[in-house]
Amino acid sequence: MVCSAGCATPVSFDQAKQRVLLRASFEFACPPDKLGVQELSSDEAGPVYLGVSGCNRRAVYVRLTTGSGALYLNDTVPPTETRASDVVAP
């Protein structure tokens, strides 16, 4: 359940960064100290999009506000491998 406007609890960048680092560290199989976090956009309730990079990976995490607080989800489409048989010659 997503809260309507006005029910979001303010989240500082540092709080958001810690939440995203834990998740990205697991998803990237990379230690948190090897990851960098950049605020990509924000509003009065805190960061909305955070970029994470490290260990040869990059992802964007988006904040979803629920009745129990803020949740950060990976909003990046995983890259797909291109096979030679998929490429059409001009």
PDB file of N, CA and C in Angstrom:
ATOM      1  N   MET A   1       0.847  -1.178   0.000  1.00  0.00           N
ATOM      2  CA  MET A   1       0.000   0.000   0.000  1.00  0.00           C
ATOM      3  C   MET A   1       0.884   1.230   0.000  1.00  0.00           C
ATOM      4  N   VAL A   2       0.647   2.146  -0.907  1.00  0.00           N
ATOM      5  CA  VAL A   2       1.417   3.374  -1.011  1.00  0.00           C
ATOM      6  C   VAL A   2       0.632   4.500  -0.374  1.00  0.00           C
ATOM      7  N   CYS A   3       1.273   5.279   0.461  1.00  0.00           N
ATOM      8  CA  CYS A   3       0.601   6.396   1.117  1.00  0.00           C
ATOM      9  C   CYS A   3       0.295   7.499   0.122  1.00  0.00           C
ATOM     10  N   SER A   4      -0.727   8.243   0.390  1.00  0.00           N
ATOM     11  CA  SER A   4      -1.016   9.425  -0.424  1.00  0.00           C
ATOM     12  C   SER A   4      -0.083  10.536   0.010  1.00  0.00           C
ATOM     13  N   ALA A   5      -0.060  11.616  -0.759  1.00  0.00           N
ATOM     14  CA  ALA A   5       0.824  12.735  -0.460  1.00  0.00           C
ATOM     15  C   ALA A   5       0.551  13.252   0.942  1.00  0.00           C
ATOM     16  N   GLY A   6       1.594  13.661   1.617  1.00  0.00           N
ATOM     17  CA  GLY A   6       1.446  14.234   2.935  1.00  0.00           C
ATOM     18  C   GLY A   6       1.702  13.256   4.074  1.00  0.00           C
ATOM     19  N   CYS A   7       1.770  11.952   3.797  1.00  0.00           N
ATOM     20  CA  CYS A   7       1.994  11.005   4.889  1.00  0.00           C
ATOM     21  C   CYS A   7       3.431  10.500   4.919  1.00  0.00           C
ATOM     22  N   ALA A   8       4.282  11.010   4.035  1.00  0.00           N
ATOM     23  CA  ALA A   8       5.673  10.551   3.994  1.00  0.00           C
ATOM     24  C   ALA A   8       6.450  11.105   5.178  1.00  0.00           C
ATOM     25  N   THR A   9       7.222  10.242   5.810  1.00  0.00           N
ATOM     26  CA  THR A   9       8.108  10.657   6.885  1.00  0.00           C
ATOM     27  C   THR A   9       9.409  11.126   6.261  1.00  0.00           C
ATOM     28  N   PRO A  10       9.896  12.317   6.628  1.00  0.00           N
ATOM     29  CA  PRO A  10      11.143  12.800   6.041  1.00  0.00           C
ATOM     30  C   PRO A  10      12.290  11.809   6.252  1.00  0.00           C
ATOM     31  N   VAL A  11      13.086  11.616   5.214  1.00  0.00           N
ATOM     32  CA  VAL A  11      14.232  10.714   5.245  1.00  0.00           C
ATOM     33  C   VAL A  11      15.452  11.512   4.817  1.00  0.00           C
ATOM     34  N   SER A  12      16.489  11.523   5.654  1.00  0.00           N
ATOM     35  CA  SER A  12      17.703  12.251   5.285  1.00  0.00           C
ATOM     36  C   SER A  12      18.471  11.463   4.234  1.00  0.00           C
ATOM     37  N   PHE A  13      19.370  12.141   3.546  1.00  0.00           N
ATOM     38  CA  PHE A  13      20.216  11.464   2.564  1.00  0.00           C
ATOM     39  C   PHE A  13      21.038  10.365   3.236  1.00  0.00           C
ATOM     40  N   ASP A  14      21.563  10.640   4.436  1.00  0.00           N
ATOM     41  CA  ASP A  14      22.373   9.634   5.135  1.00  0.00           C
ATOM     42  C   ASP A  14      21.563   8.386   5.465  1.00  0.00           C
ATOM     43  N   GLN A  15      20.301   8.561   5.901  1.00  0.00           N
ATOM     44  CA  GLN A  15      19.442   7.410   6.186  1.00  0.00           C
ATOM     45  C   GLN A  15      19.175   6.621   4.916  1.00  0.00           C
ATOM     46  N   ALA A  16      18.848   7.334   3.841  1.00  0.00           N
ATOM     47  CA  ALA A  16      18.567   6.682   2.561  1.00  0.00           C
ATOM     48  C   ALA A  16      19.807   5.958   2.050  1.00  0.00           C
ATOM     49  N   LYS A  17      20.960   6.603   2.179  1.00  0.00           N
ATOM     50  CA  LYS A  17      22.214   6.011   1.717  1.00  0.00           C
ATOM     51  C   LYS A  17      22.484   4.687   2.433  1.00  0.00           C
ATOM     52  N   GLN A  18      22.294   4.647   3.742  1.00  0.00           N
ATOM     53  CA  GLN A  18      22.545   3.417   4.506  1.00  0.00           C
ATOM     54  C   GLN A  18      21.609   2.289   4.065  1.00  0.00           C
ATOM     55  N   ARG A  19      20.353   2.618   3.834  1.00  0.00           N
ATOM     56  CA  ARG A  19      19.390   1.601   3.396  1.00  0.00           C
ATOM     57  C   ARG A  19      19.761   1.053   2.019  1.00  0.00           C
ATOM     58  N   VAL A  20      20.118   1.970   1.120  1.00  0.00           N
ATOM     59  CA  VAL A  20      20.448   1.571  -0.251  1.00  0.00           C
ATOM     60  C   VAL A  20      21.774   0.807  -0.285  1.00  0.00           C
ATOM     61  N   LEU A  21      22.743   1.204   0.526  1.00  0.00           N
ATOM     62  CA  LEU A  21      24.030   0.489   0.553  1.00  0.00           C
ATOM     63  C   LEU A  21      23.858  -0.968   0.969  1.00  0.00           C
ATOM     64  N   LEU A  22      23.031  -1.221   1.958  1.00  0.00           N
ATOM     65  CA  LEU A  22      22.809  -2.604   2.389  1.00  0.00           C
ATOM     66  C   LEU A  22      22.199  -3.440   1.271  1.00  0.00           C
ATOM     67  N   ARG A  23      21.217  -2.882   0.608  1.00  0.00           N
ATOM     68  CA  ARG A  23      20.541  -3.611  -0.466  1.00  0.00           C
ATOM     69  C   ARG A  23      21.469  -3.806  -1.667  1.00  0.00           C
ATOM     70  N   ALA A  24      22.144  -2.735  -2.084  1.00  0.00           N
ATOM     71  CA  ALA A  24      23.033  -2.815  -3.248  1.00  0.00           C
ATOM     72  C   ALA A  24      24.215  -3.741  -2.980  1.00  0.00           C
ATOM     73  N   SER A  25      24.734  -3.719  -1.770  1.00  0.00           N
ATOM     74  CA  SER A  25      25.845  -4.597  -1.425  1.00  0.00           C
ATOM     75  C   SER A  25      25.450  -6.052  -1.640  1.00  0.00           C
ATOM     76  N   PHE A  26      24.254  -6.403  -1.244  1.00  0.00           N
ATOM     77  CA  PHE A  26      23.767  -7.776  -1.442  1.00  0.00           C
ATOM     78  C   PHE A  26      23.554  -8.055  -2.927  1.00  0.00           C
ATOM     79  N   GLU A  27      22.867  -7.147  -3.619  1.00  0.00           N
ATOM     80  CA  GLU A  27      22.543  -7.370  -5.033  1.00  0.00           C
ATOM     81  C   GLU A  27      23.790  -7.404  -5.913  1.00  0.00           C
ATOM     82  N   PHE A  28      24.784  -6.576  -5.586  1.00  0.00           N
ATOM     83  CA  PHE A  28      26.010  -6.509  -6.389  1.00  0.00           C
ATOM     84  C   PHE A  28      27.049  -7.548  -5.945  1.00  0.00           C
ATOM     85  N   ALA A  29      26.829  -8.203  -4.799  1.00  0.00           N
ATOM     86  CA  ALA A  29      27.833  -9.076  -4.184  1.00  0.00           C
ATOM     87  C   ALA A  29      29.139  -8.291  -4.033  1.00  0.00           C
ATOM     88  N   CYS A  30      29.013  -7.114  -3.413  1.00  0.00           N
ATOM     89  CA  CYS A  30      30.112  -6.156  -3.313  1.00  0.00           C
ATOM     90  C   CYS A  30      30.088  -5.532  -1.915  1.00  0.00           C
ATOM     91  N   PRO A  31      31.243  -5.374  -1.257  1.00  0.00           N
ATOM     92  CA  PRO A  31      31.264  -4.762   0.071  1.00  0.00           C
ATOM     93  C   PRO A  31      30.759  -3.309   0.022  1.00  0.00           C
ATOM     94  N   PRO A  32      30.010  -2.877   1.032  1.00  0.00           N
ATOM     95  CA  PRO A  32      29.479  -1.506   1.046  1.00  0.00           C
ATOM     96  C   PRO A  32      30.546  -0.424   0.901  1.00  0.00           C
ATOM     97  N   ASP A  33      31.764  -0.677   1.429  1.00  0.00           N
ATOM     98  CA  ASP A  33      32.810   0.340   1.335  1.00  0.00           C
ATOM     99  C   ASP A  33      33.372   0.487  -0.076  1.00  0.00           C
ATOM    100  N   LYS A  34      32.977  -0.383  -0.986  1.00  0.00           N
ATOM    101  CA  LYS A  34      33.399  -0.298  -2.387  1.00  0.00           C
ATOM    102  C   LYS A  34      32.321   0.359  -3.253  1.00  0.00           C
ATOM    103  N   LEU A  35      31.206   0.787  -2.630  1.00  0.00           N
ATOM    104  CA  LEU A  35      30.086   1.369  -3.368  1.00  0.00           C
ATOM    105  C   LEU A  35      29.991   2.868  -3.131  1.00  0.00           C
ATOM    106  N   GLY A  36      29.608   3.583  -4.176  1.00  0.00           N
ATOM    107  CA  GLY A  36      29.349   5.012  -4.074  1.00  0.00           C
ATOM    108  C   GLY A  36      27.872   5.273  -4.285  1.00  0.00           C
ATOM    109  N   VAL A  37      27.322   6.242  -3.556  1.00  0.00           N
ATOM    110  CA  VAL A  37      25.903   6.584  -3.666  1.00  0.00           C
ATOM    111  C   VAL A  37      25.775   8.049  -4.028  1.00  0.00           C
ATOM    112  N   GLN A  38      24.923   8.333  -5.005  1.00  0.00           N
ATOM    113  CA  GLN A  38      24.695   9.697  -5.469  1.00  0.00           C
ATOM    114  C   GLN A  38      23.202   9.971  -5.481  1.00  0.00           C
ATOM    115  N   GLU A  39      22.809  11.109  -4.916  1.00  0.00           N
ATOM    116  CA  GLU A  39      21.401  11.514  -4.948  1.00  0.00           C
ATOM    117  C   GLU A  39      21.088  12.039  -6.344  1.00  0.00           C
ATOM    118  N   LEU A  40      20.137  11.412  -7.024  1.00  0.00           N
ATOM    119  CA  LEU A  40      19.778  11.811  -8.382  1.00  0.00           C
ATOM    120  C   LEU A  40      18.592  12.768  -8.403  1.00  0.00           C
ATOM    121  N   SER A  41      17.676  12.613  -7.458  1.00  0.00           N
ATOM    122  CA  SER A  41      16.562  13.544  -7.321  1.00  0.00           C
ATOM    123  C   SER A  41      16.016  13.444  -5.917  1.00  0.00           C
ATOM    124  N   SER A  42      15.323  14.481  -5.477  1.00  0.00           N
ATOM    125  CA  SER A  42      14.765  14.476  -4.129  1.00  0.00           C
ATOM    126  C   SER A  42      13.535  15.363  -4.075  1.00  0.00           C
ATOM    127  N   ASP A  43      12.837  15.276  -2.967  1.00  0.00           N
ATOM    128  CA  ASP A  43      11.726  16.174  -2.684  1.00  0.00           C
ATOM    129  C   ASP A  43      11.780  16.519  -1.205  1.00  0.00           C
ATOM    130  N   GLU A  44      10.775  17.192  -0.699  1.00  0.00           N
ATOM    131  CA  GLU A  44      10.796  17.621   0.700  1.00  0.00           C
ATOM    132  C   GLU A  44      10.808  16.449   1.685  1.00  0.00           C
ATOM    133  N   ALA A  45      10.420  15.249   1.256  1.00  0.00           N
ATOM    134  CA  ALA A  45      10.401  14.084   2.138  1.00  0.00           C
ATOM    135  C   ALA A  45      11.691  13.268   2.043  1.00  0.00           C
ATOM    136  N   GLY A  46      12.692  13.751   1.299  1.00  0.00           N
ATOM    137  CA  GLY A  46      13.971  13.043   1.207  1.00  0.00           C
ATOM    138  C   GLY A  46      14.253  12.531  -0.183  1.00  0.00           C
ATOM    139  N   PRO A  47      15.379  11.846  -0.335  1.00  0.00           N
ATOM    140  CA  PRO A  47      15.776  11.358  -1.653  1.00  0.00           C
ATOM    141  C   PRO A  47      14.719  10.448  -2.282  1.00  0.00           C
ATOM    142  N   VAL A  48      14.494  10.624  -3.568  1.00  0.00           N
ATOM    143  CA  VAL A  48      13.540   9.812  -4.315  1.00  0.00           C
ATOM    144  C   VAL A  48      14.286   8.809  -5.193  1.00  0.00           C
ATOM    145  N   TYR A  49      15.339   9.255  -5.875  1.00  0.00           N
ATOM    146  CA  TYR A  49      16.166   8.373  -6.693  1.00  0.00           C
ATOM    147  C   TYR A  49      17.615   8.476  -6.231  1.00  0.00           C
ATOM    148  N   LEU A  50      18.245   7.313  -6.022  1.00  0.00           N
ATOM    149  CA  LEU A  50      19.654   7.257  -5.658  1.00  0.00           C
ATOM    150  C   LEU A  50      20.382   6.372  -6.657  1.00  0.00           C
ATOM    151  N   GLY A  51      21.534   6.837  -7.126  1.00  0.00           N
ATOM    152  CA  GLY A  51      22.376   6.044  -8.005  1.00  0.00           C
ATOM    153  C   GLY A  51      23.459   5.374  -7.183  1.00  0.00           C
ATOM    154  N   VAL A  52      23.709   4.100  -7.454  1.00  0.00           N
ATOM    155  CA  VAL A  52      24.753   3.347  -6.747  1.00  0.00           C
ATOM    156  C   VAL A  52      25.692   2.753  -7.794  1.00  0.00           C
ATOM    157  N   SER A  53      26.991   2.879  -7.546  1.00  0.00           N
ATOM    158  CA  SER A  53      27.964   2.281  -8.461  1.00  0.00           C
ATOM    159  C   SER A  53      29.113   1.684  -7.669  1.00  0.00           C
ATOM    160  N   GLY A  54      29.686   0.621  -8.235  1.00  0.00           N
ATOM    161  CA  GLY A  54      30.831  -0.049  -7.635  1.00  0.00           C
ATOM    162  C   GLY A  54      30.907  -1.485  -8.098  1.00  0.00           C
ATOM    163  N   CYS A  55      32.087  -2.063  -8.007  1.00  0.00           N
ATOM    164  CA  CYS A  55      32.316  -3.454  -8.412  1.00  0.00           C
ATOM    165  C   CYS A  55      31.812  -3.709  -9.836  1.00  0.00           C
ATOM    166  N   ASN A  56      32.057  -2.744 -10.719  1.00  0.00           N
ATOM    167  CA  ASN A  56      31.683  -2.830 -12.135  1.00  0.00           C
ATOM    168  C   ASN A  56      30.177  -2.944 -12.357  1.00  0.00           C
ATOM    169  N   ARG A  57      29.383  -2.388 -11.462  1.00  0.00           N
ATOM    170  CA  ARG A  57      27.924  -2.406 -11.582  1.00  0.00           C
ATOM    171  C   ARG A  57      27.392  -1.010 -11.300  1.00  0.00           C
ATOM    172  N   ARG A  58      26.203  -0.729 -11.846  1.00  0.00           N
ATOM    173  CA  ARG A  58      25.499   0.531 -11.591  1.00  0.00           C
ATOM    174  C   ARG A  58      24.018   0.236 -11.503  1.00  0.00           C
ATOM    175  N   ALA A  59      23.328   0.962 -10.641  1.00  0.00           N
ATOM    176  CA  ALA A  59      21.881   0.779 -10.525  1.00  0.00           C
ATOM    177  C   ALA A  59      21.260   2.058  -9.976  1.00  0.00           C
ATOM    178  N   VAL A  60      19.978   2.219 -10.251  1.00  0.00           N
ATOM    179  CA  VAL A  60      19.196   3.324  -9.714  1.00  0.00           C
ATOM    180  C   VAL A  60      18.154   2.733  -8.776  1.00  0.00           C
ATOM    181  N   TYR A  61      18.073   3.300  -7.584  1.00  0.00           N
ATOM    182  CA  TYR A  61      17.091   2.868  -6.594  1.00  0.00           C
ATOM    183  C   TYR A  61      16.062   3.972  -6.409  1.00  0.00           C
ATOM    184  N   VAL A  62      14.803   3.602  -6.345  1.00  0.00           N
ATOM    185  CA  VAL A  62      13.704   4.546  -6.199  1.00  0.00           C
ATOM    186  C   VAL A  62      13.047   4.344  -4.838  1.00  0.00           C
ATOM    187  N   ARG A  63      12.670   5.443  -4.203  1.00  0.00           N
ATOM    188  CA  ARG A  63      11.992   5.367  -2.908  1.00  0.00           C
ATOM    189  C   ARG A  63      10.497   5.189  -3.110  1.00  0.00           C
ATOM    190  N   LEU A  64       9.954   4.198  -2.437  1.00  0.00           N
ATOM    191  CA  LEU A  64       8.507   4.014  -2.379  1.00  0.00           C
ATOM    192  C   LEU A  64       8.111   4.234  -0.931  1.00  0.00           C
ATOM    193  N   THR A  65       7.101   5.049  -0.709  1.00  0.00           N
ATOM    194  CA  THR A  65       6.647   5.310   0.642  1.00  0.00           C
ATOM    195  C   THR A  65       5.447   4.427   0.939  1.00  0.00           C
ATOM    196  N   THR A  66       5.537   3.669   2.019  1.00  0.00           N
ATOM    197  CA  THR A  66       4.463   2.767   2.421  1.00  0.00           C
ATOM    198  C   THR A  66       3.919   3.227   3.769  1.00  0.00           C
ATOM    199  N   GLY A  67       2.914   2.562   4.239  1.00  0.00           N
ATOM    200  CA  GLY A  67       2.342   2.901   5.530  1.00  0.00           C
ATOM    201  C   GLY A  67       3.316   2.717   6.677  1.00  0.00           C
ATOM    202  N   SER A  68       4.347   1.898   6.480  1.00  0.00           N
ATOM    203  CA  SER A  68       5.313   1.643   7.550  1.00  0.00           C
ATOM    204  C   SER A  68       6.652   2.337   7.324  1.00  0.00           C
ATOM    205  N   GLY A  69       6.765   3.177   6.315  1.00  0.00           N
ATOM    206  CA  GLY A  69       8.003   3.920   6.097  1.00  0.00           C
ATOM    207  C   GLY A  69       8.448   3.900   4.649  1.00  0.00           C
ATOM    208  N   ALA A  70       9.725   4.224   4.430  1.00  0.00           N
ATOM    209  CA  ALA A  70      10.291   4.294   3.088  1.00  0.00           C
ATOM    210  C   ALA A  70      10.961   2.977   2.727  1.00  0.00           C
ATOM    211  N   LEU A  71      10.815   2.614   1.473  1.00  0.00           N
ATOM    212  CA  LEU A  71      11.389   1.389   0.941  1.00  0.00           C
ATOM    213  C   LEU A  71      12.121   1.758  -0.341  1.00  0.00           C
ATOM    214  N   TYR A  72      13.345   1.265  -0.530  1.00  0.00           N
ATOM    215  CA  TYR A  72      14.118   1.556  -1.739  1.00  0.00           C
ATOM    216  C   TYR A  72      14.224   0.307  -2.590  1.00  0.00           C
ATOM    217  N   LEU A  73      13.798   0.420  -3.846  1.00  0.00           N
ATOM    218  CA  LEU A  73      13.829  -0.709  -4.769  1.00  0.00           C
ATOM    219  C   LEU A  73      14.709  -0.405  -5.965  1.00  0.00           C
ATOM    220  N   ASN A  74      15.391  -1.428  -6.465  1.00  0.00           N
ATOM    221  CA  ASN A  74      16.219  -1.303  -7.655  1.00  0.00           C
ATOM    222  C   ASN A  74      15.298  -1.064  -8.840  1.00  0.00           C
ATOM    223  N   ASP A  75      15.505   0.067  -9.500  1.00  0.00           N
ATOM    224  CA  ASP A  75      14.659   0.475 -10.622  1.00  0.00           C
ATOM    225  C   ASP A  75      15.414   0.343 -11.945  1.00  0.00           C
ATOM    226  N   THR A  76      16.483  -0.437 -11.952  1.00  0.00           N
ATOM    227  CA  THR A  76      17.321  -0.578 -13.134  1.00  0.00           C
ATOM    228  C   THR A  76      16.998  -1.888 -13.839  1.00  0.00           C
ATOM    229  N   VAL A  77      16.794  -1.789 -15.133  1.00  0.00           N
ATOM    230  CA  VAL A  77      16.568  -2.985 -15.939  1.00  0.00           C
ATOM    231  C   VAL A  77      17.915  -3.666 -16.119  1.00  0.00           C
ATOM    232  N   PRO A  78      18.013  -4.947 -15.766  1.00  0.00           N
ATOM    233  CA  PRO A  78      19.303  -5.615 -15.927  1.00  0.00           C
ATOM    234  C   PRO A  78      19.705  -5.677 -17.393  1.00  0.00           C
ATOM    235  N   PRO A  79      20.987  -5.504 -17.666  1.00  0.00           N
ATOM    236  CA  PRO A  79      21.424  -5.579 -19.061  1.00  0.00           C
ATOM    237  C   PRO A  79      21.238  -6.995 -19.600  1.00  0.00           C
ATOM    238  N   THR A  80      20.927  -7.058 -20.869  1.00  0.00           N
ATOM    239  CA  THR A  80      20.794  -8.365 -21.506  1.00  0.00           C
ATOM    240  C   THR A  80      21.995  -8.583 -22.412  1.00  0.00           C
ATOM    241  N   GLU A  81      22.359  -9.811 -22.565  1.00  0.00           N
ATOM    242  CA  GLU A  81      23.471 -10.130 -23.437  1.00  0.00           C
ATOM    243  C   GLU A  81      22.993 -10.109 -24.887  1.00  0.00           C
ATOM    244  N   THR A  82      23.824  -9.581 -25.756  1.00  0.00           N
ATOM    245  CA  THR A  82      23.522  -9.584 -27.178  1.00  0.00           C
ATOM    246  C   THR A  82      24.301 -10.718 -27.823  1.00  0.00           C
ATOM    247  N   ARG A  83      23.585 -11.593 -28.476  1.00  0.00           N
ATOM    248  CA  ARG A  83      24.239 -12.708 -29.168  1.00  0.00           C
ATOM    249  C   ARG A  83      24.446 -12.312 -30.629  1.00  0.00           C
ATOM    250  N   ALA A  84      25.483 -12.838 -31.223  1.00  0.00           N
ATOM    251  CA  ALA A  84      25.777 -12.538 -32.627  1.00  0.00           C
ATOM    252  C   ALA A  84      24.590 -12.872 -33.518  1.00  0.00           C
ATOM    253  N   SER A  85      23.841 -13.914 -33.186  1.00  0.00           N
ATOM    254  CA  SER A  85      22.701 -14.309 -34.011  1.00  0.00           C
ATOM    255  C   SER A  85      21.538 -13.321 -33.902  1.00  0.00           C
ATOM    256  N   ASP A  86      21.569 -12.418 -32.863  1.00  0.00           N
ATOM    257  CA  ASP A  86      20.505 -11.427 -32.704  1.00  0.00           C
ATOM    258  C   ASP A  86      20.743 -10.166 -33.520  1.00  0.00           C
ATOM    259  N   VAL A  87      21.973  -9.978 -33.987  1.00  0.00           N
ATOM    260  CA  VAL A  87      22.328  -8.760 -34.715  1.00  0.00           C
ATOM    261  C   VAL A  87      21.970  -8.932 -36.187  1.00  0.00           C
ATOM    262  N   VAL A  88      21.238  -7.934 -36.709  1.00  0.00           N
ATOM    263  CA  VAL A  88      20.849  -7.959 -38.119  1.00  0.00           C
ATOM    264  C   VAL A  88      21.823  -7.077 -38.883  1.00  0.00           C
ATOM    265  N   ALA A  89      22.424  -7.635 -39.908  1.00  0.00           N
ATOM    266  CA  ALA A  89      23.388  -6.879 -40.728  1.00  0.00           C
ATOM    267  C   ALA A  89      22.652  -5.808 -41.522  1.00  0.00           C
ATOM    268  N   PRO A  90      23.271  -4.650 -41.702  1.00  0.00           N
ATOM    269  CA  PRO A  90      22.631  -3.563 -42.477  1.00  0.00           C
ATOM    270  C   PRO A  90      22.495  -3.908 -43.950  1.00  0.00           C
TER     271      PRO A  90
END
